[in-house]
Structure formats: structure tokens, C-alpha cells
Amino acid sequence: MAPFVPVSRLDELAPGEVLALEVDGVEIALARDEDGDVHALEDRCSHDDIALSDGDVEGCTLECWKHGSQFDLATGRPLQLPATQPVAVYAVDIDRSSGVISVDVTTPIPQ
């Protein structure tokens, strides 16, 4: 696996949006927070195995649509019950000249 894999372009992901992607066999939710920062998280709620990419971005959190668990986009830590376990977060790189977003799913960022 290559460390950083191109997955999207910055102009394809507006603030507050989430994309469901598969990168080297890993399902991720690529989210852009309301400040414009891009994050890559495991695309499964740790509470009920639901796709987080179907949820809503609020500020710097991603809310699971089914039970309302909220996860910090930068750390993957749960901020709202019923989830109590974090989700994996992956490194994101943005080429500012081309707008290409790349993600490294080889090693989750330590929580």
C-alpha cells in the first residue's frame, strides 16, 4: 500500500459535507468541518456499526444519524453517548496547488 492515496479534490467537498470512500480496502468517512479542515475517520460508528458518512457534520464533530453519537473529527473520540469507544482517524494531506486530497490508511493516528 502506498502511504498517501489521492481520494478527492477539495472543491468536491464543501464545508459540512461527508463522503464515503474506500481506500486500500479501508472504509473511511472523509469530512470537511465548518472551518474548512478535512478529516478522515473510520466509517463505522463504534456503538452500532452504522456508516458515519451518512451522518451530519456539526462544527468539528460528526454525528451518527441512528442514535446521535458524536465523534470529534480530529481525534475520533466520542463526545456524545451512546458511543463510548473512539473510531480510527487517518492522516490527510492536501496539495494546495492542485486541491487533491490524499489519505494514509496504513496507520491510524494515535488517540
C-alpha atoms as a PDB file:
ATOM      1  CA  MET A   1       0.000   0.000   0.000  1.00  0.00           C
ATOM      2  CA  ALA A   2       1.178   3.499  -0.781  1.00  0.00           C
ATOM      3  CA  PRO A   3       1.198   5.764   2.270  1.00  0.00           C
ATOM      4  CA  PHE A   4      -0.900   8.602   0.819  1.00  0.00           C
ATOM      5  CA  VAL A   5      -3.564   7.769  -1.742  1.00  0.00           C
ATOM      6  CA  PRO A   6      -5.407  10.509  -3.696  1.00  0.00           C
ATOM      7  CA  VAL A   7      -9.130  10.259  -2.874  1.00  0.00           C
ATOM      8  CA  SER A   8     -10.865  13.501  -3.871  1.00  0.00           C
ATOM      9  CA  ARG A   9     -10.447  17.177  -4.624  1.00  0.00           C
ATOM     10  CA  LEU A  10     -11.014  19.983  -2.165  1.00  0.00           C
ATOM     11  CA  ASP A  11     -13.608  21.603  -4.438  1.00  0.00           C
ATOM     12  CA  GLU A  12     -15.655  18.358  -4.330  1.00  0.00           C
ATOM     13  CA  LEU A  13     -16.086  18.523  -0.557  1.00  0.00           C
ATOM     14  CA  ALA A  14     -17.827  21.624   0.775  1.00  0.00           C
ATOM     15  CA  PRO A  15     -17.620  22.583   4.465  1.00  0.00           C
ATOM     16  CA  GLY A  16     -20.130  20.475   6.381  1.00  0.00           C
ATOM     17  CA  GLU A  17     -20.086  17.610   3.865  1.00  0.00           C
ATOM     18  CA  VAL A  18     -19.033  13.971   4.231  1.00  0.00           C
ATOM     19  CA  LEU A  19     -18.025  11.465   1.558  1.00  0.00           C
ATOM     20  CA  ALA A  20     -17.986   7.678   1.935  1.00  0.00           C
ATOM     21  CA  LEU A  21     -14.810   6.264   0.383  1.00  0.00           C
ATOM     22  CA  GLU A  22     -12.810   3.072   0.321  1.00  0.00           C
ATOM     23  CA  VAL A  23      -9.040   3.469   0.412  1.00  0.00           C
ATOM     24  CA  ASP A  24      -6.912   0.328   0.060  1.00  0.00           C
ATOM     25  CA  GLY A  25      -9.787  -1.747   1.468  1.00  0.00           C
ATOM     26  CA  VAL A  26     -10.475   0.598   4.402  1.00  0.00           C
ATOM     27  CA  GLU A  27     -13.879   2.312   4.555  1.00  0.00           C
ATOM     28  CA  ILE A  28     -13.480   5.949   5.558  1.00  0.00           C
ATOM     29  CA  ALA A  29     -15.684   8.961   6.065  1.00  0.00           C
ATOM     30  CA  LEU A  30     -13.952  11.972   4.530  1.00  0.00           C
ATOM     31  CA  ALA A  31     -15.396  15.029   6.255  1.00  0.00           C
ATOM     32  CA  ARG A  32     -14.820  18.742   5.941  1.00  0.00           C
ATOM     33  CA  ASP A  33     -15.599  20.656   9.105  1.00  0.00           C
ATOM     34  CA  GLU A  34     -17.244  24.058   9.151  1.00  0.00           C
ATOM     35  CA  ASP A  35     -13.809  25.745   9.368  1.00  0.00           C
ATOM     36  CA  GLY A  36     -12.802  24.038   6.099  1.00  0.00           C
ATOM     37  CA  ASP A  37     -10.393  21.463   7.569  1.00  0.00           C
ATOM     38  CA  VAL A  38     -10.567  17.949   6.095  1.00  0.00           C
ATOM     39  CA  HIS A  39     -10.597  14.806   8.246  1.00  0.00           C
ATOM     40  CA  ALA A  40     -10.627  11.053   7.534  1.00  0.00           C
ATOM     41  CA  LEU A  41     -12.297   8.741  10.032  1.00  0.00           C
ATOM     42  CA  GLU A  42     -13.244   5.093  10.131  1.00  0.00           C
ATOM     43  CA  ASP A  43     -16.688   4.929   8.508  1.00  0.00           C
ATOM     44  CA  ARG A  44     -18.319   2.861  11.241  1.00  0.00           C
ATOM     45  CA  CYS A  45     -19.936   4.113  14.426  1.00  0.00           C
ATOM     46  CA  SER A  46     -18.319   2.305  17.358  1.00  0.00           C
ATOM     47  CA  HIS A  47     -21.731   1.974  19.014  1.00  0.00           C
ATOM     48  CA  ASP A  48     -23.847   0.280  16.348  1.00  0.00           C
ATOM     49  CA  ASP A  49     -21.758  -0.444  13.206  1.00  0.00           C
ATOM     50  CA  ILE A  50     -23.581   2.284  11.237  1.00  0.00           C
ATOM     51  CA  ALA A  51     -21.938   4.280   8.430  1.00  0.00           C
ATOM     52  CA  LEU A  52     -20.804   7.600   9.895  1.00  0.00           C
ATOM     53  CA  SER A  53     -20.650   9.027   6.376  1.00  0.00           C
ATOM     54  CA  ASP A  54     -24.474   9.138   6.459  1.00  0.00           C
ATOM     55  CA  GLY A  55     -24.291  11.452   9.476  1.00  0.00           C
ATOM     56  CA  ASP A  56     -24.040  15.212   9.871  1.00  0.00           C
ATOM     57  CA  VAL A  57     -21.055  17.465  10.459  1.00  0.00           C
ATOM     58  CA  GLU A  58     -21.677  19.996  13.212  1.00  0.00           C
ATOM     59  CA  GLY A  59     -18.729  22.278  13.919  1.00  0.00           C
ATOM     60  CA  CYS A  60     -15.819  19.863  14.368  1.00  0.00           C
ATOM     61  CA  THR A  61     -17.938  16.788  15.111  1.00  0.00           C
ATOM     62  CA  LEU A  62     -19.587  14.054  13.087  1.00  0.00           C
ATOM     63  CA  GLU A  63     -22.926  12.827  14.395  1.00  0.00           C
ATOM     64  CA  CYS A  64     -24.174   9.299  13.736  1.00  0.00           C
ATOM     65  CA  TRP A  65     -27.645   9.510  12.218  1.00  0.00           C
ATOM     66  CA  LYS A  66     -29.075   6.488  14.042  1.00  0.00           C
ATOM     67  CA  HIS A  67     -28.543   7.123  17.761  1.00  0.00           C
ATOM     68  CA  GLY A  68     -26.911  10.558  17.890  1.00  0.00           C
ATOM     69  CA  SER A  69     -23.399   9.578  18.967  1.00  0.00           C
ATOM     70  CA  GLN A  70     -20.982  12.370  18.143  1.00  0.00           C
ATOM     71  CA  PHE A  71     -17.292  11.969  17.322  1.00  0.00           C
ATOM     72  CA  ASP A  72     -14.528  14.567  17.341  1.00  0.00           C
ATOM     73  CA  LEU A  73     -13.325  14.825  13.736  1.00  0.00           C
ATOM     74  CA  ALA A  74      -9.696  15.402  14.739  1.00  0.00           C
ATOM     75  CA  THR A  75      -9.336  12.647  17.357  1.00  0.00           C
ATOM     76  CA  GLY A  76     -12.175  10.171  16.714  1.00  0.00           C
ATOM     77  CA  ARG A  77     -13.119  10.318  20.388  1.00  0.00           C
ATOM     78  CA  PRO A  78     -16.812  10.017  21.236  1.00  0.00           C
ATOM     79  CA  LEU A  79     -18.306  13.224  22.622  1.00  0.00           C
ATOM     80  CA  GLN A  80     -21.916  12.101  22.967  1.00  0.00           C
ATOM     81  CA  LEU A  81     -23.417   8.830  24.186  1.00  0.00           C
ATOM     82  CA  PRO A  82     -24.328   6.136  23.410  1.00  0.00           C
ATOM     83  CA  ALA A  83     -20.866   5.584  21.824  1.00  0.00           C
ATOM     84  CA  THR A  84     -18.080   5.126  24.359  1.00  0.00           C
ATOM     85  CA  GLN A  85     -15.272   3.868  22.098  1.00  0.00           C
ATOM     86  CA  PRO A  86     -13.339   6.042  19.617  1.00  0.00           C
ATOM     87  CA  VAL A  87     -13.158   5.476  15.866  1.00  0.00           C
ATOM     88  CA  ALA A  88      -9.886   5.418  13.954  1.00  0.00           C
ATOM     89  CA  VAL A  89      -8.600   8.669  12.432  1.00  0.00           C
ATOM     90  CA  TYR A  90      -6.241   8.753   9.447  1.00  0.00           C
ATOM     91  CA  ALA A  91      -3.721  11.303   8.198  1.00  0.00           C
ATOM     92  CA  VAL A  92      -4.886  13.684   5.463  1.00  0.00           C
ATOM     93  CA  ASP A  93      -2.689  15.637   3.077  1.00  0.00           C
ATOM     94  CA  ILE A  94      -3.953  18.379   0.764  1.00  0.00           C
ATOM     95  CA  ASP A  95      -1.906  19.570  -2.184  1.00  0.00           C
ATOM     96  CA  ARG A  96      -2.821  23.267  -2.078  1.00  0.00           C
ATOM     97  CA  SER A  97      -1.739  23.884  -5.676  1.00  0.00           C
ATOM     98  CA  SER A  98      -3.930  21.162  -7.202  1.00  0.00           C
ATOM     99  CA  GLY A  99      -6.548  20.753  -4.467  1.00  0.00           C
ATOM    100  CA  VAL A 100      -6.019  16.988  -4.357  1.00  0.00           C
ATOM    101  CA  ILE A 101      -6.875  15.354  -1.023  1.00  0.00           C
ATOM    102  CA  SER A 102      -4.863  12.245  -0.124  1.00  0.00           C
ATOM    103  CA  VAL A 103      -5.318   9.898   2.840  1.00  0.00           C
ATOM    104  CA  ASP A 104      -2.903   7.492   4.532  1.00  0.00           C
ATOM    105  CA  VAL A 105      -4.806   4.497   5.935  1.00  0.00           C
ATOM    106  CA  THR A 106      -1.697   2.423   6.710  1.00  0.00           C
ATOM    107  CA  THR A 107      -1.511   3.575  10.339  1.00  0.00           C
ATOM    108  CA  PRO A 108      -4.322   5.255  12.294  1.00  0.00           C
ATOM    109  CA  ILE A 109      -3.320   8.399  14.183  1.00  0.00           C
ATOM    110  CA  PRO A 110      -2.821   7.572  17.895  1.00  0.00           C
ATOM    111  CA  GLN A 111      -5.657   8.739  20.087  1.00  0.00           C
END
